[in-house]
Amino acid sequence: MSRNMIKPHMIQLPIMTEFGNGASSRARSYAKILGKKSLIVTDKGVAKAGILKGIADSLDENKLEYAVFEGFMPNPIDTMVEKSGFVNQ
């Protein structure tokens, strides 16, 4: 395994987090299973780095609706998400 490769992992609590090479390309699979709309919650640094492109491309290719909210500090808590106004749209 190359030093630059991250072995894929998945963590599922009340929410699911997947990371590793290729994880963003699987966003469409989860979006189809979990609901009609997706909210990508991030911070400005991640958005600026272009890391969201794979997720957005995956959702766009499958014509799945999503919104991006990048106004959070890293590791937002539930009340921050509720204040975003994206909940219950």
N, C-alpha and C. Protein backbone atom coordinates (compact mmCIF):
# COMPACT_ATOMS: atom_id res chain seq x y z
N MET A 1 0.85 -1.18 0.00
CA MET A 1 0.00 0.00 0.00
C MET A 1 0.90 1.24 0.00
N SER A 2 0.58 2.17 -0.85
CA SER A 2 1.33 3.41 -0.95
C SER A 2 1.20 4.23 0.33
N ARG A 3 2.20 5.00 0.62
CA ARG A 3 2.15 5.85 1.81
C ARG A 3 1.07 6.91 1.68
N ASN A 4 0.69 7.28 0.44
CA ASN A 4 -0.31 8.31 0.22
C ASN A 4 -1.73 7.78 0.26
N MET A 5 -1.90 6.51 0.36
CA MET A 5 -3.23 5.91 0.35
C MET A 5 -3.76 5.80 1.77
N ILE A 6 -5.00 6.15 1.95
CA ILE A 6 -5.66 5.98 3.24
C ILE A 6 -6.60 4.79 3.10
N LYS A 7 -6.44 3.82 3.93
CA LYS A 7 -7.30 2.66 3.89
C LYS A 7 -8.73 3.10 4.23
N PRO A 8 -9.73 2.76 3.40
CA PRO A 8 -11.10 3.19 3.66
C PRO A 8 -11.62 2.67 5.01
N HIS A 9 -12.36 3.51 5.68
CA HIS A 9 -12.98 3.17 6.96
C HIS A 9 -14.40 3.70 6.97
N MET A 10 -15.24 3.12 7.79
CA MET A 10 -16.58 3.63 7.99
C MET A 10 -16.88 3.58 9.48
N ILE A 11 -17.47 4.66 9.98
CA ILE A 11 -17.89 4.74 11.37
C ILE A 11 -19.37 5.07 11.34
N GLN A 12 -20.19 4.28 12.06
CA GLN A 12 -21.61 4.58 12.07
C GLN A 12 -22.10 4.63 13.51
N LEU A 13 -22.53 5.80 13.91
CA LEU A 13 -23.13 6.03 15.21
C LEU A 13 -24.57 6.42 14.90
N PRO A 14 -25.09 7.50 15.50
CA PRO A 14 -26.37 7.96 14.99
C PRO A 14 -26.21 8.52 13.56
N ILE A 15 -24.99 8.87 13.20
CA ILE A 15 -24.68 9.31 11.85
C ILE A 15 -23.60 8.40 11.31
N MET A 16 -23.39 8.45 10.02
CA MET A 16 -22.36 7.62 9.41
C MET A 16 -21.28 8.53 8.86
N THR A 17 -20.03 8.16 9.05
CA THR A 17 -18.90 8.89 8.51
C THR A 17 -18.04 7.89 7.76
N GLU A 18 -17.76 8.19 6.50
CA GLU A 18 -16.87 7.34 5.73
C GLU A 18 -15.74 8.20 5.22
N PHE A 19 -14.53 7.68 5.24
CA PHE A 19 -13.39 8.42 4.73
C PHE A 19 -12.42 7.46 4.08
N GLY A 20 -11.53 8.02 3.31
CA GLY A 20 -10.54 7.22 2.61
C GLY A 20 -10.67 7.45 1.11
N ASN A 21 -9.71 6.93 0.37
CA ASN A 21 -9.71 7.11 -1.08
C ASN A 21 -10.98 6.56 -1.70
N GLY A 22 -11.62 7.37 -2.53
CA GLY A 22 -12.83 6.97 -3.23
C GLY A 22 -14.13 7.17 -2.47
N ALA A 23 -14.06 7.57 -1.22
CA ALA A 23 -15.28 7.71 -0.42
C ALA A 23 -16.24 8.74 -1.01
N SER A 24 -15.71 9.85 -1.53
CA SER A 24 -16.59 10.89 -2.05
C SER A 24 -17.40 10.41 -3.25
N SER A 25 -16.86 9.50 -4.02
CA SER A 25 -17.58 9.00 -5.20
C SER A 25 -18.77 8.12 -4.83
N ARG A 26 -18.84 7.69 -3.58
CA ARG A 26 -19.96 6.86 -3.13
C ARG A 26 -21.08 7.69 -2.49
N ALA A 27 -20.96 9.00 -2.50
CA ALA A 27 -21.98 9.86 -1.88
C ALA A 27 -23.36 9.60 -2.46
N ARG A 28 -23.43 9.39 -3.78
CA ARG A 28 -24.73 9.16 -4.43
C ARG A 28 -25.44 7.93 -3.87
N SER A 29 -24.67 6.89 -3.56
CA SER A 29 -25.27 5.66 -3.04
C SER A 29 -25.96 5.91 -1.71
N TYR A 30 -25.30 6.65 -0.84
CA TYR A 30 -25.87 6.93 0.47
C TYR A 30 -27.03 7.91 0.37
N ALA A 31 -26.91 8.89 -0.50
CA ALA A 31 -27.98 9.87 -0.66
C ALA A 31 -29.26 9.21 -1.14
N LYS A 32 -29.15 8.26 -2.06
CA LYS A 32 -30.33 7.55 -2.56
C LYS A 32 -31.00 6.75 -1.46
N ILE A 33 -30.22 6.16 -0.59
CA ILE A 33 -30.76 5.32 0.48
C ILE A 33 -31.38 6.17 1.58
N LEU A 34 -30.73 7.28 1.93
CA LEU A 34 -31.09 8.02 3.13
C LEU A 34 -32.15 9.10 2.93
N GLY A 35 -32.41 9.54 1.73
CA GLY A 35 -33.43 10.56 1.56
C GLY A 35 -33.39 11.23 0.23
N LYS A 36 -34.20 12.27 0.09
CA LYS A 36 -34.35 12.97 -1.17
C LYS A 36 -33.37 14.12 -1.34
N LYS A 37 -32.93 14.71 -0.23
CA LYS A 37 -32.02 15.85 -0.28
C LYS A 37 -30.82 15.58 0.61
N SER A 38 -29.70 16.18 0.23
CA SER A 38 -28.50 16.05 1.05
C SER A 38 -28.01 17.44 1.45
N LEU A 39 -27.45 17.52 2.62
CA LEU A 39 -26.82 18.75 3.10
C LEU A 39 -25.36 18.42 3.36
N ILE A 40 -24.49 19.10 2.64
CA ILE A 40 -23.05 18.93 2.84
C ILE A 40 -22.62 20.02 3.79
N VAL A 41 -22.23 19.64 4.97
CA VAL A 41 -21.83 20.58 6.01
C VAL A 41 -20.32 20.57 6.10
N THR A 42 -19.72 21.74 5.96
CA THR A 42 -18.27 21.81 5.94
C THR A 42 -17.81 23.15 6.50
N ASP A 43 -16.53 23.35 6.47
CA ASP A 43 -15.99 24.66 6.85
C ASP A 43 -15.32 25.27 5.63
N LYS A 44 -14.99 26.53 5.70
CA LYS A 44 -14.45 27.25 4.55
C LYS A 44 -13.13 26.66 4.06
N GLY A 45 -12.30 26.15 4.96
CA GLY A 45 -11.01 25.58 4.56
C GLY A 45 -11.17 24.36 3.68
N VAL A 46 -12.08 23.47 4.03
CA VAL A 46 -12.33 22.27 3.23
C VAL A 46 -12.93 22.66 1.88
N ALA A 47 -13.87 23.59 1.90
CA ALA A 47 -14.49 24.04 0.65
C ALA A 47 -13.45 24.68 -0.27
N LYS A 48 -12.62 25.53 0.29
CA LYS A 48 -11.60 26.22 -0.50
C LYS A 48 -10.58 25.24 -1.09
N ALA A 49 -10.29 24.17 -0.39
CA ALA A 49 -9.32 23.18 -0.84
C ALA A 49 -9.84 22.31 -1.99
N GLY A 50 -11.13 22.43 -2.30
CA GLY A 50 -11.70 21.66 -3.40
C GLY A 50 -12.06 20.23 -3.06
N ILE A 51 -12.07 19.91 -1.79
CA ILE A 51 -12.32 18.54 -1.35
C ILE A 51 -13.77 18.12 -1.60
N LEU A 52 -14.68 19.06 -1.71
CA LEU A 52 -16.09 18.74 -1.91
C LEU A 52 -16.42 18.34 -3.35
N LYS A 53 -15.51 18.59 -4.27
CA LYS A 53 -15.78 18.35 -5.70
C LYS A 53 -16.22 16.92 -5.97
N GLY A 54 -15.57 15.95 -5.40
CA GLY A 54 -15.94 14.55 -5.63
C GLY A 54 -17.35 14.24 -5.15
N ILE A 55 -17.73 14.81 -4.02
CA ILE A 55 -19.08 14.61 -3.50
C ILE A 55 -20.10 15.27 -4.41
N ALA A 56 -19.86 16.53 -4.76
CA ALA A 56 -20.78 17.26 -5.62
C ALA A 56 -20.91 16.58 -6.98
N ASP A 57 -19.79 16.15 -7.56
CA ASP A 57 -19.82 15.46 -8.85
C ASP A 57 -20.65 14.18 -8.77
N SER A 58 -20.47 13.44 -7.69
CA SER A 58 -21.20 12.19 -7.50
C SER A 58 -22.70 12.43 -7.44
N LEU A 59 -23.10 13.46 -6.71
CA LEU A 59 -24.53 13.78 -6.59
C LEU A 59 -25.08 14.37 -7.90
N ASP A 60 -24.30 15.24 -8.54
CA ASP A 60 -24.73 15.85 -9.80
C ASP A 60 -24.94 14.80 -10.89
N GLU A 61 -24.03 13.85 -10.99
CA GLU A 61 -24.13 12.81 -12.02
C GLU A 61 -25.43 12.02 -11.91
N ASN A 62 -25.97 11.95 -10.72
CA ASN A 62 -27.20 11.19 -10.47
C ASN A 62 -28.41 12.09 -10.25
N LYS A 63 -28.23 13.38 -10.55
CA LYS A 63 -29.31 14.36 -10.45
C LYS A 63 -29.97 14.35 -9.07
N LEU A 64 -29.13 14.26 -8.04
CA LEU A 64 -29.61 14.28 -6.66
C LEU A 64 -29.47 15.68 -6.10
N GLU A 65 -30.51 16.15 -5.42
CA GLU A 65 -30.53 17.51 -4.88
C GLU A 65 -29.68 17.61 -3.62
N TYR A 66 -28.92 18.71 -3.51
CA TYR A 66 -28.11 18.93 -2.33
C TYR A 66 -27.85 20.42 -2.16
N ALA A 67 -27.45 20.77 -0.96
CA ALA A 67 -27.03 22.13 -0.65
C ALA A 67 -25.71 22.03 0.09
N VAL A 68 -24.88 23.05 -0.06
CA VAL A 68 -23.60 23.11 0.65
C VAL A 68 -23.67 24.27 1.63
N PHE A 69 -23.35 23.99 2.87
CA PHE A 69 -23.27 25.03 3.89
C PHE A 69 -21.86 24.98 4.46
N GLU A 70 -21.11 26.06 4.24
CA GLU A 70 -19.72 26.08 4.68
C GLU A 70 -19.48 27.10 5.79
N GLY A 71 -20.52 27.49 6.49
CA GLY A 71 -20.39 28.51 7.52
C GLY A 71 -20.13 27.97 8.92
N PHE A 72 -19.63 26.78 9.03
CA PHE A 72 -19.38 26.19 10.34
C PHE A 72 -17.91 26.16 10.68
N MET A 73 -17.68 26.06 11.95
CA MET A 73 -16.34 25.77 12.44
C MET A 73 -16.17 24.25 12.26
N PRO A 74 -14.96 23.75 12.24
CA PRO A 74 -14.78 22.30 12.13
C PRO A 74 -15.53 21.57 13.25
N ASN A 75 -16.06 20.38 12.92
CA ASN A 75 -16.79 19.52 13.86
C ASN A 75 -18.00 20.21 14.48
N PRO A 76 -18.97 20.61 13.65
CA PRO A 76 -20.15 21.30 14.18
C PRO A 76 -20.99 20.39 15.07
N ILE A 77 -21.70 21.01 15.99
CA ILE A 77 -22.62 20.26 16.85
C ILE A 77 -24.04 20.43 16.32
N ASP A 78 -24.97 19.67 16.85
CA ASP A 78 -26.32 19.66 16.32
C ASP A 78 -27.00 21.02 16.34
N THR A 79 -26.77 21.83 17.36
CA THR A 79 -27.42 23.13 17.42
C THR A 79 -26.92 24.07 16.33
N MET A 80 -25.68 23.92 15.90
CA MET A 80 -25.17 24.72 14.79
C MET A 80 -25.90 24.35 13.51
N VAL A 81 -26.13 23.06 13.30
CA VAL A 81 -26.82 22.60 12.10
C VAL A 81 -28.26 23.12 12.13
N GLU A 82 -28.92 23.05 13.27
CA GLU A 82 -30.29 23.55 13.38
C GLU A 82 -30.36 25.04 13.06
N LYS A 83 -29.39 25.82 13.50
CA LYS A 83 -29.36 27.25 13.24
C LYS A 83 -29.09 27.58 11.78
N SER A 84 -28.57 26.63 11.03
CA SER A 84 -28.23 26.88 9.62
C SER A 84 -29.47 27.15 8.79
N GLY A 85 -30.62 26.66 9.24
CA GLY A 85 -31.84 26.83 8.47
C GLY A 85 -32.07 25.75 7.44
N PHE A 86 -31.15 24.80 7.31
CA PHE A 86 -31.30 23.74 6.32
C PHE A 86 -32.12 22.57 6.86
N VAL A 87 -32.29 22.50 8.15
CA VAL A 87 -33.03 21.39 8.74
C VAL A 87 -34.52 21.57 8.46
N ASN A 88 -35.18 20.50 8.11
CA ASN A 88 -36.63 20.48 7.85
C ASN A 88 -37.04 21.34 6.66
N GLN A 89 -36.20 21.44 5.65
CA GLN A 89 -36.59 22.19 4.44
C GLN A 89 -37.48 21.34 3.60
